[in-house]
């Protein structure tokens, strides 16, 4: 029997983050996250591991809404943070 609650505190659905880069007269897009799904329930611990440059920090910054996702949703404690008005 698990002591972990089923209350979902964090849910990321189909998360995509793209950065538009302009250098001199060229522009291109870097796809940092593509289709990430994360669900974290109350009492659970999440560990994100991977090699350098795989998107760990981008995921964290997107969940903290320091980066705006290009597509997908970030829901924390039932609130959809991706559709909040900017202040």
PDB file of N, CA and C in Angstrom:
ATOM      1  N   UNK A   1       0.831  -1.177   0.000  1.00  0.00           N
ATOM      2  CA  UNK A   1       0.000   0.000   0.000  1.00  0.00           C
ATOM      3  C   UNK A   1       0.874   1.238   0.000  1.00  0.00           C
ATOM      4  N   UNK A   2       0.589   2.175  -0.893  1.00  0.00           N
ATOM      5  CA  UNK A   2       1.396   3.380  -1.036  1.00  0.00           C
ATOM      6  C   UNK A   2       0.824   4.505  -0.197  1.00  0.00           C
ATOM      7  N   UNK A   3       1.726   5.323   0.362  1.00  0.00           N
ATOM      8  CA  UNK A   3       1.278   6.479   1.141  1.00  0.00           C
ATOM      9  C   UNK A   3       1.160   7.722   0.263  1.00  0.00           C
ATOM     10  N   UNK A   4       1.422   7.585  -1.030  1.00  0.00           N
ATOM     11  CA  UNK A   4       1.368   8.715  -1.950  1.00  0.00           C
ATOM     12  C   UNK A   4      -0.087   9.011  -2.308  1.00  0.00           C
ATOM     13  N   UNK A   5      -0.459  10.273  -2.196  1.00  0.00           N
ATOM     14  CA  UNK A   5      -1.811  10.713  -2.520  1.00  0.00           C
ATOM     15  C   UNK A   5      -1.988  10.767  -4.032  1.00  0.00           C
ATOM     16  N   UNK A   6      -3.240  10.730  -4.485  1.00  0.00           N
ATOM     17  CA  UNK A   6      -3.494  10.821  -5.921  1.00  0.00           C
ATOM     18  C   UNK A   6      -3.766  12.259  -6.361  1.00  0.00           C
ATOM     19  N   UNK A   7      -3.589  13.241  -5.463  1.00  0.00           N
ATOM     20  CA  UNK A   7      -3.770  14.640  -5.819  1.00  0.00           C
ATOM     21  C   UNK A   7      -2.626  15.085  -6.722  1.00  0.00           C
ATOM     22  N   UNK A   8      -2.958  15.444  -7.953  1.00  0.00           N
ATOM     23  CA  UNK A   8      -1.929  15.867  -8.901  1.00  0.00           C
ATOM     24  C   UNK A   8      -1.582  17.329  -8.628  1.00  0.00           C
ATOM     25  N   UNK A   9      -0.295  17.596  -8.379  1.00  0.00           N
ATOM     26  CA  UNK A   9       0.146  18.956  -8.097  1.00  0.00           C
ATOM     27  C   UNK A   9       0.803  19.606  -9.314  1.00  0.00           C
ATOM     28  N   UNK A  10       1.337  18.792 -10.225  1.00  0.00           N
ATOM     29  CA  UNK A  10       1.976  19.317 -11.438  1.00  0.00           C
ATOM     30  C   UNK A  10       1.625  18.416 -12.609  1.00  0.00           C
ATOM     31  N   UNK A  11       1.184  19.026 -13.683  1.00  0.00           N
ATOM     32  CA  UNK A  11       0.903  18.265 -14.898  1.00  0.00           C
ATOM     33  C   UNK A  11       1.345  19.098 -16.096  1.00  0.00           C
ATOM     34  N   UNK A  12       2.229  18.545 -16.884  1.00  0.00           N
ATOM     35  CA  UNK A  12       2.658  19.155 -18.147  1.00  0.00           C
ATOM     36  C   UNK A  12       2.156  18.246 -19.257  1.00  0.00           C
ATOM     37  N   UNK A  13       1.478  18.831 -20.233  1.00  0.00           N
ATOM     38  CA  UNK A  13       0.921  18.043 -21.327  1.00  0.00           C
ATOM     39  C   UNK A  13       1.441  18.561 -22.653  1.00  0.00           C
ATOM     40  N   UNK A  14       2.047  17.671 -23.438  1.00  0.00           N
ATOM     41  CA  UNK A  14       2.519  17.968 -24.792  1.00  0.00           C
ATOM     42  C   UNK A  14       3.303  19.274 -24.837  1.00  0.00           C
ATOM     43  N   UNK A  15       4.246  19.419 -23.909  1.00  0.00           N
ATOM     44  CA  UNK A  15       5.005  20.659 -23.764  1.00  0.00           C
ATOM     45  C   UNK A  15       6.065  20.790 -24.853  1.00  0.00           C
ATOM     46  N   UNK A  16       6.022  21.910 -25.557  1.00  0.00           N
ATOM     47  CA  UNK A  16       6.996  22.244 -26.589  1.00  0.00           C
ATOM     48  C   UNK A  16       7.564  23.618 -26.286  1.00  0.00           C
ATOM     49  N   UNK A  17       8.877  23.771 -26.405  1.00  0.00           N
ATOM     50  CA  UNK A  17       9.518  25.071 -26.260  1.00  0.00           C
ATOM     51  C   UNK A  17      10.462  25.249 -27.439  1.00  0.00           C
ATOM     52  N   UNK A  18      10.253  26.341 -28.157  1.00  0.00           N
ATOM     53  CA  UNK A  18      11.103  26.669 -29.301  1.00  0.00           C
ATOM     54  C   UNK A  18      11.669  28.060 -29.108  1.00  0.00           C
ATOM     55  N   UNK A  19      12.922  28.221 -29.482  1.00  0.00           N
ATOM     56  CA  UNK A  19      13.583  29.517 -29.416  1.00  0.00           C
ATOM     57  C   UNK A  19      13.873  29.992 -30.833  1.00  0.00           C
ATOM     58  N   UNK A  20      13.415  31.189 -31.156  1.00  0.00           N
ATOM     59  CA  UNK A  20      13.700  31.795 -32.461  1.00  0.00           C
ATOM     60  C   UNK A  20      15.008  32.561 -32.327  1.00  0.00           C
ATOM     61  N   UNK A  21      15.964  32.231 -33.160  1.00  0.00           N
ATOM     62  CA  UNK A  21      17.291  32.834 -33.110  1.00  0.00           C
ATOM     63  C   UNK A  21      17.542  33.617 -34.394  1.00  0.00           C
ATOM     64  N   UNK A  22      18.036  34.815 -34.250  1.00  0.00           N
ATOM     65  CA  UNK A  22      18.459  35.600 -35.411  1.00  0.00           C
ATOM     66  C   UNK A  22      19.940  35.886 -35.278  1.00  0.00           C
ATOM     67  N   UNK A  23      20.660  35.565 -36.310  1.00  0.00           N
ATOM     68  CA  UNK A  23      22.083  35.841 -36.314  1.00  0.00           C
ATOM     69  C   UNK A  23      22.421  36.445 -37.666  1.00  0.00           C
ATOM     70  N   UNK A  24      22.884  37.664 -37.613  1.00  0.00           N
ATOM     71  CA  UNK A  24      23.160  38.433 -38.820  1.00  0.00           C
ATOM     72  C   UNK A  24      21.875  38.523 -39.639  1.00  0.00           C
ATOM     73  N   UNK A  25      21.842  38.025 -40.836  1.00  0.00           N
ATOM     74  CA  UNK A  25      20.650  38.116 -41.674  1.00  0.00           C
ATOM     75  C   UNK A  25      19.901  36.799 -41.768  1.00  0.00           C
ATOM     76  N   UNK A  26      20.231  35.853 -40.900  1.00  0.00           N
ATOM     77  CA  UNK A  26      19.580  34.550 -40.910  1.00  0.00           C
ATOM     78  C   UNK A  26      18.763  34.373 -39.641  1.00  0.00           C
ATOM     79  N   UNK A  27      17.720  33.592 -39.743  1.00  0.00           N
ATOM     80  CA  UNK A  27      16.956  33.233 -38.548  1.00  0.00           C
ATOM     81  C   UNK A  27      16.658  31.740 -38.605  1.00  0.00           C
ATOM     82  N   UNK A  28      16.622  31.141 -37.439  1.00  0.00           N
ATOM     83  CA  UNK A  28      16.324  29.716 -37.347  1.00  0.00           C
ATOM     84  C   UNK A  28      15.683  29.429 -35.999  1.00  0.00           C
ATOM     85  N   UNK A  29      15.131  28.244 -35.865  1.00  0.00           N
ATOM     86  CA  UNK A  29      14.425  27.834 -34.664  1.00  0.00           C
ATOM     87  C   UNK A  29      15.141  26.661 -34.008  1.00  0.00           C
ATOM     88  N   UNK A  30      15.340  26.771 -32.707  1.00  0.00           N
ATOM     89  CA  UNK A  30      15.891  25.665 -31.928  1.00  0.00           C
ATOM     90  C   UNK A  30      14.738  25.049 -31.149  1.00  0.00           C
ATOM     91  N   UNK A  31      14.522  23.766 -31.333  1.00  0.00           N
ATOM     92  CA  UNK A  31      13.464  23.042 -30.617  1.00  0.00           C
ATOM     93  C   UNK A  31      14.073  22.438 -29.356  1.00  0.00           C
ATOM     94  N   UNK A  32      13.807  23.083 -28.212  1.00  0.00           N
ATOM     95  CA  UNK A  32      14.411  22.665 -26.944  1.00  0.00           C
ATOM     96  C   UNK A  32      13.629  21.537 -26.272  1.00  0.00           C
ATOM     97  N   UNK A  33      12.305  21.612 -26.313  1.00  0.00           N
ATOM     98  CA  UNK A  33      11.453  20.549 -25.774  1.00  0.00           C
ATOM     99  C   UNK A  33      10.425  20.180 -26.828  1.00  0.00           C
ATOM    100  N   UNK A  34      10.169  18.893 -26.959  1.00  0.00           N
ATOM    101  CA  UNK A  34       9.181  18.420 -27.932  1.00  0.00           C
ATOM    102  C   UNK A  34       8.313  17.339 -27.319  1.00  0.00           C
ATOM    103  N   UNK A  35       7.062  17.701 -27.034  1.00  0.00           N
ATOM    104  CA  UNK A  35       6.084  16.714 -26.582  1.00  0.00           C
ATOM    105  C   UNK A  35       6.331  16.129 -25.211  1.00  0.00           C
ATOM    106  N   UNK A  36       6.759  16.934 -24.254  1.00  0.00           N
ATOM    107  CA  UNK A  36       7.050  16.439 -22.906  1.00  0.00           C
ATOM    108  C   UNK A  36       5.759  16.329 -22.104  1.00  0.00           C
ATOM    109  N   UNK A  37       5.568  15.172 -21.465  1.00  0.00           N
ATOM    110  CA  UNK A  37       4.441  14.922 -20.565  1.00  0.00           C
ATOM    111  C   UNK A  37       5.003  14.563 -19.190  1.00  0.00           C
ATOM    112  N   UNK A  38       4.555  15.293 -18.165  1.00  0.00           N
ATOM    113  CA  UNK A  38       4.985  15.030 -16.788  1.00  0.00           C
ATOM    114  C   UNK A  38       3.765  15.138 -15.895  1.00  0.00           C
ATOM    115  N   UNK A  39       3.634  14.211 -14.967  1.00  0.00           N
ATOM    116  CA  UNK A  39       2.575  14.276 -13.981  1.00  0.00           C
ATOM    117  C   UNK A  39       3.186  13.945 -12.629  1.00  0.00           C
ATOM    118  N   UNK A  40       2.937  14.806 -11.655  1.00  0.00           N
ATOM    119  CA  UNK A  40       3.517  14.635 -10.329  1.00  0.00           C
ATOM    120  C   UNK A  40       2.409  14.758  -9.288  1.00  0.00           C
ATOM    121  N   UNK A  41       2.237  13.724  -8.499  1.00  0.00           N
ATOM    122  CA  UNK A  41       1.206  13.720  -7.453  1.00  0.00           C
ATOM    123  C   UNK A  41       1.795  14.176  -6.126  1.00  0.00           C
ATOM    124  N   UNK A  42       0.912  14.596  -5.241  1.00  0.00           N
ATOM    125  CA  UNK A  42       1.320  15.019  -3.908  1.00  0.00           C
ATOM    126  C   UNK A  42       2.078  13.884  -3.218  1.00  0.00           C
ATOM    127  N   UNK A  43       3.233  14.208  -2.648  1.00  0.00           N
ATOM    128  CA  UNK A  43       4.042  13.217  -1.946  1.00  0.00           C
ATOM    129  C   UNK A  43       5.070  12.529  -2.817  1.00  0.00           C
ATOM    130  N   UNK A  44       4.996  12.700  -4.124  1.00  0.00           N
ATOM    131  CA  UNK A  44       5.971  12.090  -5.033  1.00  0.00           C
ATOM    132  C   UNK A  44       7.188  12.986  -5.197  1.00  0.00           C
ATOM    133  N   UNK A  45       8.282  12.374  -5.586  1.00  0.00           N
ATOM    134  CA  UNK A  45       9.516  13.085  -5.890  1.00  0.00           C
ATOM    135  C   UNK A  45       9.853  12.805  -7.338  1.00  0.00           C
ATOM    136  N   UNK A  46      10.211  13.853  -8.078  1.00  0.00           N
ATOM    137  CA  UNK A  46      10.553  13.715  -9.479  1.00  0.00           C
ATOM    138  C   UNK A  46      12.029  14.016  -9.670  1.00  0.00           C
ATOM    139  N   UNK A  47      12.692  13.167 -10.391  1.00  0.00           N
ATOM    140  CA  UNK A  47      14.093  13.378 -10.733  1.00  0.00           C
ATOM    141  C   UNK A  47      14.199  13.406 -12.247  1.00  0.00           C
ATOM    142  N   UNK A  48      14.831  14.444 -12.768  1.00  0.00           N
ATOM    143  CA  UNK A  48      15.028  14.564 -14.206  1.00  0.00           C
ATOM    144  C   UNK A  48      16.516  14.432 -14.475  1.00  0.00           C
ATOM    145  N   UNK A  49      16.878  13.414 -15.237  1.00  0.00           N
ATOM    146  CA  UNK A  49      18.285  13.168 -15.534  1.00  0.00           C
ATOM    147  C   UNK A  49      18.467  13.093 -17.044  1.00  0.00           C
ATOM    148  N   UNK A  50      19.666  13.389 -17.472  1.00  0.00           N
ATOM    149  CA  UNK A  50      19.978  13.313 -18.891  1.00  0.00           C
ATOM    150  C   UNK A  50      21.293  13.996 -19.174  1.00  0.00           C
ATOM    151  N   UNK A  51      21.739  13.821 -20.382  1.00  0.00           N
ATOM    152  CA  UNK A  51      23.021  14.410 -20.750  1.00  0.00           C
ATOM    153  C   UNK A  51      22.899  15.917 -20.929  1.00  0.00           C
ATOM    154  N   UNK A  52      24.021  16.567 -20.984  1.00  0.00           N
ATOM    155  CA  UNK A  52      24.081  18.014 -21.163  1.00  0.00           C
ATOM    156  C   UNK A  52      23.370  18.412 -22.458  1.00  0.00           C
ATOM    157  N   UNK A  53      22.497  19.417 -22.351  1.00  0.00           N
ATOM    158  CA  UNK A  53      21.823  19.922 -23.538  1.00  0.00           C
ATOM    159  C   UNK A  53      20.546  19.196 -23.907  1.00  0.00           C
ATOM    160  N   UNK A  54      20.042  18.317 -23.033  1.00  0.00           N
ATOM    161  CA  UNK A  54      18.850  17.545 -23.388  1.00  0.00           C
ATOM    162  C   UNK A  54      17.538  18.228 -22.998  1.00  0.00           C
ATOM    163  N   UNK A  55      17.600  19.350 -22.253  1.00  0.00           N
ATOM    164  CA  UNK A  55      16.393  20.100 -21.946  1.00  0.00           C
ATOM    165  C   UNK A  55      15.952  20.102 -20.491  1.00  0.00           C
ATOM    166  N   UNK A  56      16.787  19.622 -19.584  1.00  0.00           N
ATOM    167  CA  UNK A  56      16.407  19.577 -18.164  1.00  0.00           C
ATOM    168  C   UNK A  56      16.125  20.977 -17.619  1.00  0.00           C
ATOM    169  N   UNK A  57      17.022  21.898 -17.842  1.00  0.00           N
ATOM    170  CA  UNK A  57      16.866  23.265 -17.344  1.00  0.00           C
ATOM    171  C   UNK A  57      15.721  23.977 -18.051  1.00  0.00           C
ATOM    172  N   UNK A  58      15.567  23.742 -19.335  1.00  0.00           N
ATOM    173  CA  UNK A  58      14.452  24.344 -20.079  1.00  0.00           C
ATOM    174  C   UNK A  58      13.122  23.872 -19.517  1.00  0.00           C
ATOM    175  N   UNK A  59      13.017  22.594 -19.175  1.00  0.00           N
ATOM    176  CA  UNK A  59      11.790  22.068 -18.566  1.00  0.00           C
ATOM    177  C   UNK A  59      11.515  22.774 -17.246  1.00  0.00           C
ATOM    178  N   UNK A  60      12.513  22.890 -16.385  1.00  0.00           N
ATOM    179  CA  UNK A  60      12.340  23.548 -15.091  1.00  0.00           C
ATOM    180  C   UNK A  60      11.921  25.005 -15.266  1.00  0.00           C
ATOM    181  N   UNK A  61      12.579  25.716 -16.158  1.00  0.00           N
ATOM    182  CA  UNK A  61      12.257  27.130 -16.373  1.00  0.00           C
ATOM    183  C   UNK A  61      10.868  27.308 -16.990  1.00  0.00           C
ATOM    184  N   UNK A  62      10.432  26.354 -17.765  1.00  0.00           N
ATOM    185  CA  UNK A  62       9.092  26.423 -18.350  1.00  0.00           C
ATOM    186  C   UNK A  62       8.032  26.146 -17.282  1.00  0.00           C
ATOM    187  N   UNK A  63       8.272  25.170 -16.411  1.00  0.00           N
ATOM    188  CA  UNK A  63       7.343  24.893 -15.317  1.00  0.00           C
ATOM    189  C   UNK A  63       7.257  26.102 -14.385  1.00  0.00           C
ATOM    190  N   UNK A  64       8.370  26.794 -14.176  1.00  0.00           N
ATOM    191  CA  UNK A  64       8.392  27.997 -13.335  1.00  0.00           C
ATOM    192  C   UNK A  64       7.882  29.227 -14.088  1.00  0.00           C
ATOM    193  N   UNK A  65       7.491  29.041 -15.352  1.00  0.00           N
ATOM    194  CA  UNK A  65       6.980  30.083 -16.241  1.00  0.00           C
ATOM    195  C   UNK A  65       7.992  31.208 -16.482  1.00  0.00           C
ATOM    196  N   UNK A  66       9.272  30.861 -16.423  1.00  0.00           N
ATOM    197  CA  UNK A  66      10.311  31.794 -16.854  1.00  0.00           C
ATOM    198  C   UNK A  66      10.414  31.770 -18.372  1.00  0.00           C
ATOM    199  N   UNK A  67      10.043  30.640 -18.973  1.00  0.00           N
ATOM    200  CA  UNK A  67       9.920  30.506 -20.422  1.00  0.00           C
ATOM    201  C   UNK A  67       8.462  30.218 -20.741  1.00  0.00           C
ATOM    202  N   UNK A  68       7.961  30.831 -21.794  1.00  0.00           N
ATOM    203  CA  UNK A  68       6.599  30.575 -22.250  1.00  0.00           C
ATOM    204  C   UNK A  68       6.627  29.371 -23.194  1.00  0.00           C
ATOM    205  N   UNK A  69       5.819  28.357 -22.952  1.00  0.00           N
ATOM    206  CA  UNK A  69       5.808  27.217 -23.872  1.00  0.00           C
ATOM    207  C   UNK A  69       5.257  27.624 -25.237  1.00  0.00           C
ATOM    208  N   UNK A  70       5.829  27.052 -26.289  1.00  0.00           N
ATOM    209  CA  UNK A  70       5.344  27.294 -27.640  1.00  0.00           C
ATOM    210  C   UNK A  70       4.033  26.560 -27.872  1.00  0.00           C
ATOM    211  N   UNK A  71       3.877  25.447 -27.179  1.00  0.00           N
ATOM    212  CA  UNK A  71       2.675  24.629 -27.295  1.00  0.00           C
ATOM    213  C   UNK A  71       2.565  23.776 -26.038  1.00  0.00           C
ATOM    214  N   UNK A  72       1.350  23.390 -25.693  1.00  0.00           N
ATOM    215  CA  UNK A  72       1.143  22.528 -24.535  1.00  0.00           C
ATOM    216  C   UNK A  72       0.657  23.305 -23.334  1.00  0.00           C
ATOM    217  N   UNK A  73       0.567  22.593 -22.216  1.00  0.00           N
ATOM    218  CA  UNK A  73       0.028  23.182 -20.991  1.00  0.00           C
ATOM    219  C   UNK A  73       0.885  22.846 -19.788  1.00  0.00           C
ATOM    220  N   UNK A  74       0.916  23.788 -18.843  1.00  0.00           N
ATOM    221  CA  UNK A  74       1.521  23.571 -17.533  1.00  0.00           C
ATOM    222  C   UNK A  74       0.431  23.869 -16.504  1.00  0.00           C
ATOM    223  N   UNK A  75       0.057  22.850 -15.728  1.00  0.00           N
ATOM    224  CA  UNK A  75      -0.991  22.997 -14.719  1.00  0.00           C
ATOM    225  C   UNK A  75      -0.371  22.704 -13.355  1.00  0.00           C
ATOM    226  N   UNK A  76      -0.465  23.683 -12.446  1.00  0.00           N
ATOM    227  CA  UNK A  76       0.054  23.537 -11.087  1.00  0.00           C
ATOM    228  C   UNK A  76      -1.101  23.744 -10.119  1.00  0.00           C
ATOM    229  N   UNK A  77      -1.329  22.742  -9.268  1.00  0.00           N
ATOM    230  CA  UNK A  77      -2.420  22.785  -8.284  1.00  0.00           C
ATOM    231  C   UNK A  77      -3.756  23.151  -8.927  1.00  0.00           C
ATOM    232  N   UNK A  78      -4.006  22.593 -10.107  1.00  0.00           N
ATOM    233  CA  UNK A  78      -5.263  22.800 -10.803  1.00  0.00           C
ATOM    234  C   UNK A  78      -5.355  24.085 -11.609  1.00  0.00           C
ATOM    235  N   UNK A  79      -4.341  24.928 -11.569  1.00  0.00           N
ATOM    236  CA  UNK A  79      -4.344  26.184 -12.324  1.00  0.00           C
ATOM    237  C   UNK A  79      -3.506  26.040 -13.584  1.00  0.00           C
ATOM    238  N   UNK A  80      -4.115  26.367 -14.712  1.00  0.00           N
ATOM    239  CA  UNK A  80      -3.402  26.331 -15.987  1.00  0.00           C
ATOM    240  C   UNK A  80      -2.576  27.615 -16.098  1.00  0.00           C
ATOM    241  N   UNK A  81      -1.267  27.494 -15.951  1.00  0.00           N
ATOM    242  CA  UNK A  81      -0.376  28.664 -15.964  1.00  0.00           C
ATOM    243  C   UNK A  81      -0.100  29.175 -17.372  1.00  0.00           C
ATOM    244  N   UNK A  82      -0.351  28.369 -18.370  1.00  0.00           N
ATOM    245  CA  UNK A  82       0.005  28.764 -19.739  1.00  0.00           C
ATOM    246  C   UNK A  82      -0.942  29.778 -20.330  1.00  0.00           C
ATOM    247  N   UNK A  83      -2.131  29.915 -19.795  1.00  0.00           N
ATOM    248  CA  UNK A  83      -3.102  30.855 -20.352  1.00  0.00           C
ATOM    249  C   UNK A  83      -3.344  32.061 -19.458  1.00  0.00           C
ATOM    250  N   UNK A  84      -2.412  32.321 -18.554  1.00  0.00           N
ATOM    251  CA  UNK A  84      -2.557  33.473 -17.661  1.00  0.00           C
ATOM    252  C   UNK A  84      -2.253  34.757 -18.393  1.00  0.00           C
ATOM    253  N   UNK A  85      -2.961  35.831 -18.071  1.00  0.00           N
ATOM    254  CA  UNK A  85      -2.620  37.124 -18.685  1.00  0.00           C
ATOM    255  C   UNK A  85      -1.274  37.615 -18.143  1.00  0.00           C
ATOM    256  N   UNK A  86      -0.526  38.280 -19.000  1.00  0.00           N
ATOM    257  CA  UNK A  86       0.779  38.806 -18.567  1.00  0.00           C
ATOM    258  C   UNK A  86       0.580  40.115 -17.823  1.00  0.00           C
ATOM    259  N   UNK A  87       1.333  40.283 -16.725  1.00  0.00           N
ATOM    260  CA  UNK A  87       1.206  41.508 -15.930  1.00  0.00           C
ATOM    261  C   UNK A  87       2.438  42.358 -16.055  1.00  0.00           C
TER     262      UNK A  87
END
